[in-house]
C-alpha atoms as a PDB file:
ATOM      1  CA  MET A   1     -13.790 135.341 -12.873  1.00  0.00           C
ATOM      2  CA  LEU A   2     -15.426 138.161 -13.552  1.00  0.00           C
ATOM      3  CA  THR A   3     -11.695 140.471 -13.554  1.00  0.00           C
ATOM      4  CA  ASN A   4     -11.231 140.704 -17.376  1.00  0.00           C
ATOM      5  CA  PRO A   5      -8.440 143.455 -17.540  1.00  0.00           C
ATOM      6  CA  THR A   6      -7.092 144.967 -20.471  1.00  0.00           C
ATOM      7  CA  SER A   7      -5.216 147.763 -21.793  1.00  0.00           C
ATOM      8  CA  THR A   8      -6.949 149.298 -25.031  1.00  0.00           C
ATOM      9  CA  GLY A   9      -4.029 153.104 -24.641  1.00  0.00           C
ATOM     10  CA  SER A  10      -1.090 153.829 -23.072  1.00  0.00           C
ATOM     11  CA  GLN A  11      -3.185 154.394 -19.647  1.00  0.00           C
ATOM     12  CA  ILE A  12      -5.848 153.074 -19.616  1.00  0.00           C
ATOM     13  CA  GLN A  13      -6.028 149.636 -17.348  1.00  0.00           C
ATOM     14  CA  LEU A  14      -9.383 148.648 -17.445  1.00  0.00           C
ATOM     15  CA  SER A  15     -11.187 146.043 -15.472  1.00  0.00           C
ATOM     16  CA  THR A  16     -14.319 143.788 -13.658  1.00  0.00           C
ATOM     17  CA  ARG A  17     -15.990 142.687 -10.614  1.00  0.00           C
ATOM     18  CA  LEU A  18     -18.649 143.118  -7.764  1.00  0.00           C
ATOM     19  CA  ALA A  19     -18.909 145.323  -5.390  1.00  0.00           C
ATOM     20  CA  GLN A  20     -18.099 144.059  -1.988  1.00  0.00           C
ATOM     21  CA  THR A  21     -17.786 146.680  -0.087  1.00  0.00           C
ATOM     22  CA  ALA A  22     -20.025 149.535   2.060  1.00  0.00           C
ATOM     23  CA  ALA A  23     -17.415 151.878  -0.154  1.00  0.00           C
ATOM     24  CA  ASP A  24     -17.561 150.248  -3.366  1.00  0.00           C
ATOM     25  CA  ARG A  25     -21.614 150.864  -3.319  1.00  0.00           C
ATOM     26  CA  ALA A  26     -20.389 154.507  -2.213  1.00  0.00           C
ATOM     27  CA  ALA A  27     -18.855 154.645  -5.401  1.00  0.00           C
ATOM     28  CA  ALA A  28     -20.641 152.949  -7.603  1.00  0.00           C
ATOM     29  CA  GLN A  29     -23.520 155.814  -6.231  1.00  0.00           C
ATOM     30  CA  ARG A  30     -21.143 158.514  -6.919  1.00  0.00           C
ATOM     31  CA  LEU A  31     -21.051 157.895 -10.786  1.00  0.00           C
ATOM     32  CA  ARG A  32     -24.117 157.738 -10.623  1.00  0.00           C
ATOM     33  CA  TYR A  33     -24.763 160.738  -9.421  1.00  0.00           C
ATOM     34  CA  GLN A  34     -22.920 162.153 -12.181  1.00  0.00           C
ATOM     35  CA  VAL A  35     -24.355 161.047 -14.592  1.00  0.00           C
ATOM     36  CA  PHE A  36     -28.383 160.779 -13.943  1.00  0.00           C
ATOM     37  CA  VAL A  37     -28.490 164.061 -11.529  1.00  0.00           C
ATOM     38  CA  ALA A  38     -25.626 166.380 -12.934  1.00  0.00           C
ATOM     39  CA  GLU A  39     -25.580 165.527 -16.808  1.00  0.00           C
ATOM     40  CA  LEU A  40     -29.197 164.382 -17.137  1.00  0.00           C
ATOM     41  CA  GLY A  41     -31.023 166.484 -13.954  1.00  0.00           C
ATOM     42  CA  ALA A  42     -32.630 163.226 -12.405  1.00  0.00           C
ATOM     43  CA  THR A  43     -33.326 163.392  -8.916  1.00  0.00           C
ATOM     44  CA  GLY A  44     -35.140 161.115  -6.397  1.00  0.00           C
ATOM     45  CA  PRO A  45     -35.595 161.077  -2.423  1.00  0.00           C
ATOM     46  CA  MET A  46     -32.852 159.021  -1.634  1.00  0.00           C
ATOM     47  CA  VAL A  47     -30.236 161.603  -3.456  1.00  0.00           C
ATOM     48  CA  ASP A  48     -27.322 162.882  -1.403  1.00  0.00           C
ATOM     49  CA  HIS A  49     -26.411 165.711  -3.308  1.00  0.00           C
ATOM     50  CA  ALA A  50     -23.764 166.885  -0.186  1.00  0.00           C
ATOM     51  CA  ASP A  51     -21.941 163.848  -1.332  1.00  0.00           C
ATOM     52  CA  GLY A  52     -22.221 163.055  -4.962  1.00  0.00           C
ATOM     53  CA  ARG A  53     -24.459 160.081  -4.295  1.00  0.00           C
ATOM     54  CA  GLU A  54     -27.319 158.743  -6.366  1.00  0.00           C
ATOM     55  CA  VAL A  55     -28.845 156.024  -4.242  1.00  0.00           C
ATOM     56  CA  ASP A  56     -31.951 154.040  -3.474  1.00  0.00           C
ATOM     57  CA  HIS A  57     -33.431 151.436  -1.111  1.00  0.00           C
ATOM     58  CA  LEU A  58     -32.177 148.024  -3.635  1.00  0.00           C
ATOM     59  CA  ASP A  59     -28.477 149.461  -3.524  1.00  0.00           C
ATOM     60  CA  ASP A  60     -27.781 147.394  -0.320  1.00  0.00           C
ATOM     61  CA  ILE A  61     -29.703 144.170  -2.055  1.00  0.00           C
ATOM     62  CA  ALA A  62     -28.840 144.135  -4.970  1.00  0.00           C
ATOM     63  CA  ASP A  63     -25.260 142.840  -6.520  1.00  0.00           C
ATOM     64  CA  HIS A  64     -22.960 146.170  -8.664  1.00  0.00           C
ATOM     65  CA  LEU A  65     -20.662 145.255 -11.111  1.00  0.00           C
ATOM     66  CA  LEU A  66     -18.731 147.491 -11.589  1.00  0.00           C
ATOM     67  CA  LEU A  67     -16.455 149.321 -14.438  1.00  0.00           C
ATOM     68  CA  GLU A  68     -12.949 150.261 -13.537  1.00  0.00           C
ATOM     69  CA  ASP A  69      -9.461 151.737 -15.005  1.00  0.00           C
ATOM     70  CA  ALA A  70      -6.575 151.315 -12.294  1.00  0.00           C
ATOM     71  CA  SER A  71      -4.714 153.815 -14.238  1.00  0.00           C
ATOM     72  CA  ARG A  72      -7.336 156.921 -12.602  1.00  0.00           C
ATOM     73  CA  PRO A  73      -6.985 157.327  -8.613  1.00  0.00           C
ATOM     74  CA  GLU A  74      -7.956 155.463  -6.154  1.00  0.00           C
ATOM     75  CA  GLY A  75     -11.720 156.682  -4.595  1.00  0.00           C
ATOM     76  CA  ASP A  76     -12.796 157.709  -8.225  1.00  0.00           C
ATOM     77  CA  ARG A  77     -11.382 154.054 -10.467  1.00  0.00           C
ATOM     78  CA  VAL A  78     -15.516 152.726 -10.909  1.00  0.00           C
ATOM     79  CA  VAL A  79     -16.302 154.397 -15.064  1.00  0.00           C
ATOM     80  CA  GLY A  80     -19.051 152.565 -15.605  1.00  0.00           C
ATOM     81  CA  VAL A  81     -21.820 150.188 -13.229  1.00  0.00           C
ATOM     82  CA  TYR A  82     -25.181 148.213 -13.636  1.00  0.00           C
ATOM     83  CA  ARG A  83     -26.970 147.357 -10.827  1.00  0.00           C
ATOM     84  CA  LEU A  84     -28.303 143.351 -11.203  1.00  0.00           C
ATOM     85  CA  MET A  85     -31.584 141.866  -8.661  1.00  0.00           C
ATOM     86  CA  ASN A  86     -31.743 138.066  -9.407  1.00  0.00           C
ATOM     87  CA  ALA A  87     -35.767 137.326  -7.819  1.00  0.00           C
ATOM     88  CA  ALA A  88     -33.730 135.543  -4.391  1.00  0.00           C
ATOM     89  CA  GLN A  89     -33.204 139.569  -3.808  1.00  0.00           C
ATOM     90  CA  ALA A  90     -36.214 141.237  -5.322  1.00  0.00           C
ATOM     91  CA  ALA A  91     -38.545 138.796  -2.590  1.00  0.00           C
ATOM     92  CA  GLY A  92     -35.835 139.980   0.004  1.00  0.00           C
ATOM     93  CA  ALA A  93     -36.494 143.722  -1.654  1.00  0.00           C
ATOM     94  CA  GLY A  94     -40.690 143.925  -1.651  1.00  0.00           C
ATOM     95  CA  GLY A  95     -39.921 142.784  -5.507  1.00  0.00           C
ATOM     96  CA  PHE A  96     -37.793 144.348  -8.587  1.00  0.00           C
ATOM     97  CA  TYR A  97     -37.525 147.431  -9.443  1.00  0.00           C
ATOM     98  CA  SER A  98     -39.302 147.379 -13.310  1.00  0.00           C
ATOM     99  CA  ALA A  99     -42.522 146.497 -10.850  1.00  0.00           C
ATOM    100  CA  THR A 100     -42.891 149.871  -9.458  1.00  0.00           C
ATOM    101  CA  GLU A 101     -43.398 150.595 -13.268  1.00  0.00           C
ATOM    102  CA  PHE A 102     -44.485 148.261 -15.209  1.00  0.00           C
ATOM    103  CA  ASP A 103     -46.965 144.597 -14.208  1.00  0.00           C
ATOM    104  CA  ILE A 104     -44.748 142.013 -14.737  1.00  0.00           C
ATOM    105  CA  SER A 105     -46.711 139.551 -13.539  1.00  0.00           C
ATOM    106  CA  PRO A 106     -46.487 137.395 -17.198  1.00  0.00           C
ATOM    107  CA  LEU A 107     -42.816 137.328 -16.482  1.00  0.00           C
ATOM    108  CA  LEU A 108     -42.667 136.100 -13.209  1.00  0.00           C
ATOM    109  CA  ALA A 109     -45.657 133.679 -13.944  1.00  0.00           C
ATOM    110  CA  SER A 110     -42.963 131.877 -16.456  1.00  0.00           C
ATOM    111  CA  GLY A 111     -41.227 130.129 -14.774  1.00  0.00           C
ATOM    112  CA  LYS A 112     -38.262 131.389 -15.398  1.00  0.00           C
ATOM    113  CA  SER A 113     -34.992 132.434 -14.145  1.00  0.00           C
ATOM    114  CA  LEU A 114     -34.811 135.563 -13.530  1.00  0.00           C
ATOM    115  CA  LEU A 115     -31.902 138.692 -13.232  1.00  0.00           C
ATOM    116  CA  GLU A 116     -33.061 142.554 -13.623  1.00  0.00           C
ATOM    117  CA  LEU A 117     -30.681 144.816 -14.845  1.00  0.00           C
ATOM    118  CA  GLY A 118     -30.765 148.678 -14.049  1.00  0.00           C
ATOM    119  CA  ARG A 119     -28.520 151.851 -13.204  1.00  0.00           C
ATOM    120  CA  SER A 120     -26.498 151.662 -16.259  1.00  0.00           C
ATOM    121  CA  CYS A 121     -23.980 154.378 -16.999  1.00  0.00           C
ATOM    122  CA  LEU A 122     -21.131 155.054 -18.414  1.00  0.00           C
ATOM    123  CA  HIS A 123     -18.544 158.642 -16.980  1.00  0.00           C
ATOM    124  CA  PRO A 124     -18.560 159.972 -20.596  1.00  0.00           C
ATOM    125  CA  ASP A 125     -14.887 159.591 -21.460  1.00  0.00           C
ATOM    126  CA  TYR A 126     -16.117 155.036 -21.556  1.00  0.00           C
ATOM    127  CA  ARG A 127     -18.685 155.472 -24.050  1.00  0.00           C
ATOM    128  CA  GLY A 128     -18.050 153.712 -27.284  1.00  0.00           C
ATOM    129  CA  GLY A 129     -14.657 151.689 -26.319  1.00  0.00           C
ATOM    130  CA  ALA A 130     -13.866 148.366 -24.814  1.00  0.00           C
ATOM    131  CA  GLY A 131     -15.787 148.778 -21.983  1.00  0.00           C
ATOM    132  CA  ILE A 132     -19.223 147.611 -22.062  1.00  0.00           C
ATOM    133  CA  PHE A 133     -18.132 145.269 -24.397  1.00  0.00           C
ATOM    134  CA  MET A 134     -16.115 144.010 -20.784  1.00  0.00           C
ATOM    135  CA  MET A 135     -19.492 144.446 -19.081  1.00  0.00           C
ATOM    136  CA  TRP A 136     -21.350 141.996 -21.403  1.00  0.00           C
ATOM    137  CA  ALA A 137     -18.666 139.635 -21.054  1.00  0.00           C
ATOM    138  CA  ALA A 138     -18.309 140.055 -17.519  1.00  0.00           C
ATOM    139  CA  LEU A 139     -22.777 139.779 -17.661  1.00  0.00           C
ATOM    140  CA  ALA A 140     -22.034 136.438 -19.440  1.00  0.00           C
ATOM    141  CA  ASP A 141     -20.200 134.954 -17.191  1.00  0.00           C
ATOM    142  CA  LEU A 142     -23.029 135.524 -14.120  1.00  0.00           C
ATOM    143  CA  ILE A 143     -25.849 134.721 -16.826  1.00  0.00           C
ATOM    144  CA  ALA A 144     -24.298 131.047 -16.759  1.00  0.00           C
ATOM    145  CA  GLU A 145     -23.035 131.225 -13.585  1.00  0.00           C
ATOM    146  CA  GLN A 146     -26.651 131.822 -12.306  1.00  0.00           C
ATOM    147  CA  GLY A 147     -28.507 129.680 -14.358  1.00  0.00           C
ATOM    148  CA  ILE A 148     -30.640 133.569 -16.036  1.00  0.00           C
ATOM    149  CA  GLU A 149     -33.389 132.420 -18.892  1.00  0.00           C
ATOM    150  CA  VAL A 150     -33.958 135.947 -18.353  1.00  0.00           C
ATOM    151  CA  LEU A 151     -32.419 139.511 -18.873  1.00  0.00           C
ATOM    152  CA  PHE A 152     -35.343 142.410 -18.460  1.00  0.00           C
ATOM    153  CA  GLY A 153     -35.761 145.661 -17.089  1.00  0.00           C
ATOM    154  CA  THR A 154     -36.059 149.680 -17.891  1.00  0.00           C
ATOM    155  CA  ALA A 155     -34.399 151.852 -20.506  1.00  0.00           C
ATOM    156  CA  SER A 156     -34.730 155.262 -20.593  1.00  0.00           C
ATOM    157  CA  PHE A 157     -36.050 157.792 -23.182  1.00  0.00           C
ATOM    158  CA  GLN A 158     -34.795 161.469 -22.335  1.00  0.00           C
ATOM    159  CA  THR A 159     -37.260 162.761 -22.985  1.00  0.00           C
ATOM    160  CA  THR A 160     -40.954 163.313 -21.131  1.00  0.00           C
ATOM    161  CA  ASP A 161     -42.830 164.265 -24.438  1.00  0.00           C
ATOM    162  CA  PRO A 162     -44.165 160.984 -26.263  1.00  0.00           C
ATOM    163  CA  LEU A 163     -44.531 162.383 -29.615  1.00  0.00           C
ATOM    164  CA  SER A 164     -41.020 163.533 -29.674  1.00  0.00           C
ATOM    165  CA  ILE A 165     -39.754 159.799 -30.011  1.00  0.00           C
ATOM    166  CA  ALA A 166     -43.276 158.921 -32.167  1.00  0.00           C
ATOM    167  CA  GLY A 167     -40.558 156.731 -34.616  1.00  0.00           C
ATOM    168  CA  PRO A 168     -38.602 155.335 -32.142  1.00  0.00           C
ATOM    169  CA  LEU A 169     -41.959 154.307 -29.965  1.00  0.00           C
ATOM    170  CA  SER A 170     -43.523 153.010 -33.190  1.00  0.00           C
ATOM    171  CA  LEU A 171     -40.833 151.128 -34.240  1.00  0.00           C
ATOM    172  CA  LEU A 172     -40.299 149.180 -31.584  1.00  0.00           C
ATOM    173  CA  ALA A 173     -44.284 148.082 -30.687  1.00  0.00           C
ATOM    174  CA  SER A 174     -44.002 147.443 -34.418  1.00  0.00           C
ATOM    175  CA  ARG A 175     -41.399 145.131 -34.775  1.00  0.00           C
ATOM    176  CA  HIS A 176     -39.873 143.994 -30.560  1.00  0.00           C
ATOM    177  CA  SER A 177     -43.136 144.074 -28.715  1.00  0.00           C
ATOM    178  CA  ALA A 178     -42.196 140.335 -26.628  1.00  0.00           C
ATOM    179  CA  PRO A 179     -45.439 137.994 -26.759  1.00  0.00           C
ATOM    180  CA  PRO A 180     -47.692 137.368 -23.541  1.00  0.00           C
ATOM    181  CA  ASP A 181     -45.579 135.418 -22.344  1.00  0.00           C
ATOM    182  CA  LEU A 182     -42.677 137.411 -20.907  1.00  0.00           C
ATOM    183  CA  THR A 183     -44.229 141.121 -21.581  1.00  0.00           C
ATOM    184  CA  ALA A 184     -44.852 143.070 -19.406  1.00  0.00           C
ATOM    185  CA  ARG A 185     -47.080 146.132 -19.494  1.00  0.00           C
ATOM    186  CA  SER A 186     -46.377 149.800 -17.869  1.00  0.00           C
ATOM    187  CA  MET A 187     -49.076 151.012 -15.105  1.00  0.00           C
ATOM    188  CA  ALA A 188     -49.011 154.853 -15.467  1.00  0.00           C
ATOM    189  CA  TYR A 189     -50.024 153.612 -19.409  1.00  0.00           C
ATOM    190  CA  HIS A 190     -48.694 155.197 -22.191  1.00  0.00           C
ATOM    191  CA  PRO A 191     -49.395 153.790 -26.056  1.00  0.00           C
ATOM    192  CA  MET A 192     -45.702 152.477 -28.052  1.00  0.00           C
ATOM    193  CA  ASP A 193     -48.032 153.012 -31.437  1.00  0.00           C
ATOM    194  CA  LEU A 194     -47.758 156.337 -32.104  1.00  0.00           C
ATOM    195  CA  ILE A 195     -47.901 155.918 -36.446  1.00  0.00           C
ATOM    196  CA  PRO A 196     -49.132 153.308 -38.065  1.00  0.00           C
ATOM    197  CA  ALA A 197     -46.425 150.517 -39.322  1.00  0.00           C
ATOM    198  CA  ASP A 198     -46.533 151.074 -42.779  1.00  0.00           C
ATOM    199  CA  GLN A 199     -45.304 154.680 -42.745  1.00  0.00           C
ATOM    200  CA  VAL A 200     -42.281 154.232 -38.932  1.00  0.00           C
ATOM    201  CA  ASP A 201     -39.079 155.459 -41.019  1.00  0.00           C
ATOM    202  CA  ARG A 202     -37.423 152.093 -39.889  1.00  0.00           C
ATOM    203  CA  LYS A 203     -34.148 154.482 -40.720  1.00  0.00           C
ATOM    204  CA  ALA A 204     -34.488 157.697 -38.558  1.00  0.00           C
ATOM    205  CA  ALA A 205     -35.882 156.022 -36.006  1.00  0.00           C
ATOM    206  CA  LEU A 206     -32.807 153.409 -35.426  1.00  0.00           C
ATOM    207  CA  LEU A 207     -30.876 157.084 -35.512  1.00  0.00           C
ATOM    208  CA  ASP A 208     -32.802 158.906 -32.583  1.00  0.00           C
ATOM    209  CA  MET A 209     -32.758 155.290 -29.924  1.00  0.00           C
ATOM    210  CA  PRO A 210     -30.543 155.549 -26.860  1.00  0.00           C
ATOM    211  CA  PRO A 211     -27.554 153.369 -27.483  1.00  0.00           C
ATOM    212  CA  LEU A 212     -28.453 151.337 -24.735  1.00  0.00           C
ATOM    213  CA  ILE A 213     -31.751 150.069 -26.504  1.00  0.00           C
ATOM    214  CA  LYS A 214     -29.910 149.403 -30.052  1.00  0.00           C
ATOM    215  CA  ALA A 215     -27.718 147.071 -28.544  1.00  0.00           C
ATOM    216  CA  TYR A 216     -30.797 145.222 -26.866  1.00  0.00           C
ATOM    217  CA  LEU A 217     -32.413 145.299 -29.991  1.00  0.00           C
ATOM    218  CA  ARG A 218     -29.317 143.421 -31.803  1.00  0.00           C
ATOM    219  CA  LEU A 219     -29.131 140.839 -29.064  1.00  0.00           C
ATOM    220  CA  GLY A 220     -32.712 139.737 -29.621  1.00  0.00           C
ATOM    221  CA  GLY A 221     -34.648 142.568 -27.250  1.00  0.00           C
ATOM    222  CA  MET A 222     -37.979 142.789 -27.060  1.00  0.00           C
ATOM    223  CA  VAL A 223     -40.546 145.686 -25.553  1.00  0.00           C
ATOM    224  CA  GLY A 224     -43.662 145.397 -23.132  1.00  0.00           C
ATOM    225  CA  ASP A 225     -46.454 146.766 -23.550  1.00  0.00           C
ATOM    226  CA  GLY A 226     -46.744 150.723 -23.860  1.00  0.00           C
ATOM    227  CA  ALA A 227     -44.543 154.024 -21.905  1.00  0.00           C
ATOM    228  CA  PHE A 228     -44.175 155.204 -18.708  1.00  0.00           C
ATOM    229  CA  ILE A 229     -42.914 158.298 -17.708  1.00  0.00           C
ATOM    230  CA  ASP A 230     -40.435 158.831 -15.557  1.00  0.00           C
ATOM    231  CA  GLN A 231     -40.959 162.506 -13.635  1.00  0.00           C
ATOM    232  CA  ALA A 232     -38.339 162.398 -11.210  1.00  0.00           C
ATOM    233  CA  PHE A 233     -35.639 161.247 -14.105  1.00  0.00           C
ATOM    234  CA  GLY A 234     -36.887 163.477 -17.065  1.00  0.00           C
ATOM    235  CA  CYS A 235     -37.147 160.382 -19.019  1.00  0.00           C
ATOM    236  CA  ILE A 236     -39.320 157.765 -21.197  1.00  0.00           C
ATOM    237  CA  ASP A 237     -39.020 153.964 -19.572  1.00  0.00           C
ATOM    238  CA  ILE A 238     -40.063 151.350 -22.093  1.00  0.00           C
ATOM    239  CA  CYS A 239     -39.565 147.597 -20.933  1.00  0.00           C
ATOM    240  CA  MET A 240     -36.718 145.416 -22.343  1.00  0.00           C
ATOM    241  CA  ILE A 241     -36.900 141.668 -22.010  1.00  0.00           C
ATOM    242  CA  LEU A 242     -33.998 138.993 -23.332  1.00  0.00           C
ATOM    243  CA  GLU A 243     -34.981 136.047 -23.314  1.00  0.00           C
ATOM    244  CA  ILE A 244     -31.579 134.491 -23.364  1.00  0.00           C
ATOM    245  CA  ALA A 245     -31.876 131.100 -25.905  1.00  0.00           C
ATOM    246  CA  ARG A 246     -32.285 134.029 -27.832  1.00  0.00           C
ATOM    247  CA  ILE A 247     -30.126 135.837 -28.397  1.00  0.00           C
ATOM    248  CA  PRO A 248     -27.799 135.369 -31.826  1.00  0.00           C
ATOM    249  CA  ALA A 249     -24.876 133.000 -32.073  1.00  0.00           C
ATOM    250  CA  SER A 250     -22.086 135.809 -33.530  1.00  0.00           C
ATOM    251  CA  GLN A 251     -23.271 138.430 -30.857  1.00  0.00           C
ATOM    252  CA  ARG A 252     -22.609 135.424 -28.200  1.00  0.00           C
ATOM    253  CA  ALA A 253     -19.446 134.995 -29.727  1.00  0.00           C
ATOM    254  CA  MET A 254     -18.776 139.513 -29.650  1.00  0.00           C
ATOM    255  CA  TYR A 255     -19.487 139.617 -26.150  1.00  0.00           C
ATOM    256  CA  GLU A 256     -17.563 136.929 -24.885  1.00  0.00           C
ATOM    257  CA  ARG A 257     -14.748 137.879 -26.993  1.00  0.00           C
ATOM    258  CA  GLY A 258     -15.141 140.875 -24.963  1.00  0.00           C
ATOM    259  CA  ARG A 259     -13.075 138.954 -21.692  1.00  0.00           C
ATOM    260  CA  ALA A 260     -10.153 139.306 -24.308  1.00  0.00           C
ATOM    261  CA  LEU A 261     -10.552 142.464 -25.458  1.00  0.00           C
END
């Protein structure tokens, strides 16, 4: 059900599937290394520089949604990754990844079926194309199959200076905060409301917003309370929360069409 072949040109042939083997997971980790470590300068205790893999303790427990291009050489076909973790997997792992940065107890107490999205990345040559739509179409299938009610996870700004992104943080805090029963609070709290709501330049703030965060907002995404500075990854994280029932019908239809792209 997670196979959605397409051709976006004379050569590229994209499809999505869940990782099945250790080799699949290693391919996902190599793409993550290329993006997070080589491109963005991240590090971590389990990063394997010798083999060029970005690894952590949840990889063997979580699912990995892969975007592949069959026109590339075998062993180098993974061009997009999403790591997925449901409540049962999180219980086996000792908790969700987001819980290392945010107090997610309101989400856990909500009684809603949760799916954490993380480690999202695309190969530079595939950004801005059909790939992300295909990945979200595959996610839509998983959401329906598992009865997921809330998606959540960390999303990042590539800076460790909150003042440099005061506009985007303030816009998120003033217009897109999650309600108390679905919020998550940073455990190394940095306020996001750095500029009074009536003084935020919304257009400029949106221009400075990472594409992934803007995509969540278009779907009706909300943010938790406070930011978390992740020194290892050289970024500022916010907790994004998306209640499936709140996704506008027009946006839902667009991603569902990704199956046929």
